[in-house]
Amino acid sequence: MKTATLFAAAAAMVLPISATTGTASADDFFVGKQLTLTIASRPGGGFNAYGRSLAKHIVKHIPGGASIIVKNMPGAGGRKATAWLDKIAPKDGSNMLGTMPGSLVEPILGDPKRVKYKPLDFSYIGSASGFTTLCLVRSDHAVKSFKDMMKTQVIFGGDQIGSTTHDHANMMRNLVGANIKLVKGYSGTKNLVLAIQQKEIDGFCGYAWASLMSRASHLVEKNIVRLVVQFGLDPHPEATKAGIPQVWQFVKDPKKIAALKLLASTQVFGRPYIAPAGVPKARLEILRAAFDATMKDPGFLKDMKKSRLSVQPTSGAKVQQLIRDIYLSDPATQKLARAAISKSK
């Protein structure tokens, strides 16, 4: 009996030792490791602010005392950095990318010929927040409401296809009927804000509520612009309180509504962080756990509050499922949505 008990005790000890060894093996990779977080936008915008704050705090939750450097790689609505992550970045778990949701649905909602990567293959770490976007019109313009935009033309600025400032202007014209003339080539919202102030353009669409309030709240506070419509699956509480109507009340066609909802669904994972395909599962789980912990970190939340940026996190597994759902959506709806954001006058 004593011998049997001894063997049973020894056997019971084997499992925790093996589990600890497995965890240690995954953890060991991050010991003293320098990680890289690349941000697919220029410095100064909302994507940059989220990414740099994430980098500051996530290292506290990665075992082994890892450090992290942050780089910016703007271009092509996030496609440039996303292609770099796929083709060039090491696949060992040392590289993360904060990209734009449009770059992850480009093969079905944009031009698949311009995409050399497969979004379904990426390793999804999580999203810091969803977002609701707005259309802004200069307060001195004849257009006083979104309803006015159905009749009176506005000249809006935008970036390139794949960016919300480009895609949402086209979407509002092609699916909702807004009389928008789009001028492309404004790189980033910072330049669009400047263009409004200099009266080069009448306004623009696709500015996230959180980014507006954290980066350019003076536009509202000094009555430089009027916020005419909000776009998101659900109403934004603060935008609704401010009296900004949702886009849904301006469109009745069920097919167009379905296309709009497909486009809005990409905003649920509005601040996505990904790693290359092929990152070892144990390392990906560590990055996901560190991301989830960061989303609850008092220091991170304090930074977000100070910057007036919202935190509505979505787990890596959930983001991955949302991406799959979009790719499995009705092909006819995909086609209509794709045409809506790509066709400019």
Foldseek 3Di string as FASTA:
>chain_A
DVVVVVVVVVVVVVVVVVVVVVLVVLLVVQAQAEAEEEEQADPQFDLNLLRVLLQVQLLVLRHRNYHYDYHYHYDDQFQVVVVCLAPPDDQALRYKYWGFLLNLCCCLQNPVVVHPDHSLQWQFQWFFFFFKKFWKFFLPDPDDAQVVQLPDEWEAEEEDFNAQQQQVQLLCCQLQRGRYAYDYDQGDVVSRVVCLVVVVTGTTIRHTPQRCVLRPVCCVVVRRIDTHEMAAPDDDVVCVVVVHYYSVVRGDDPLSVLLSHLVRLSSRRRGTMIHYRPHPPSSSVSSNVSSVVLSVDPSSVVSCVVSSHDGDMDGRVRVSVSSVVSVVDDSVSSVSSSCSRPDHD
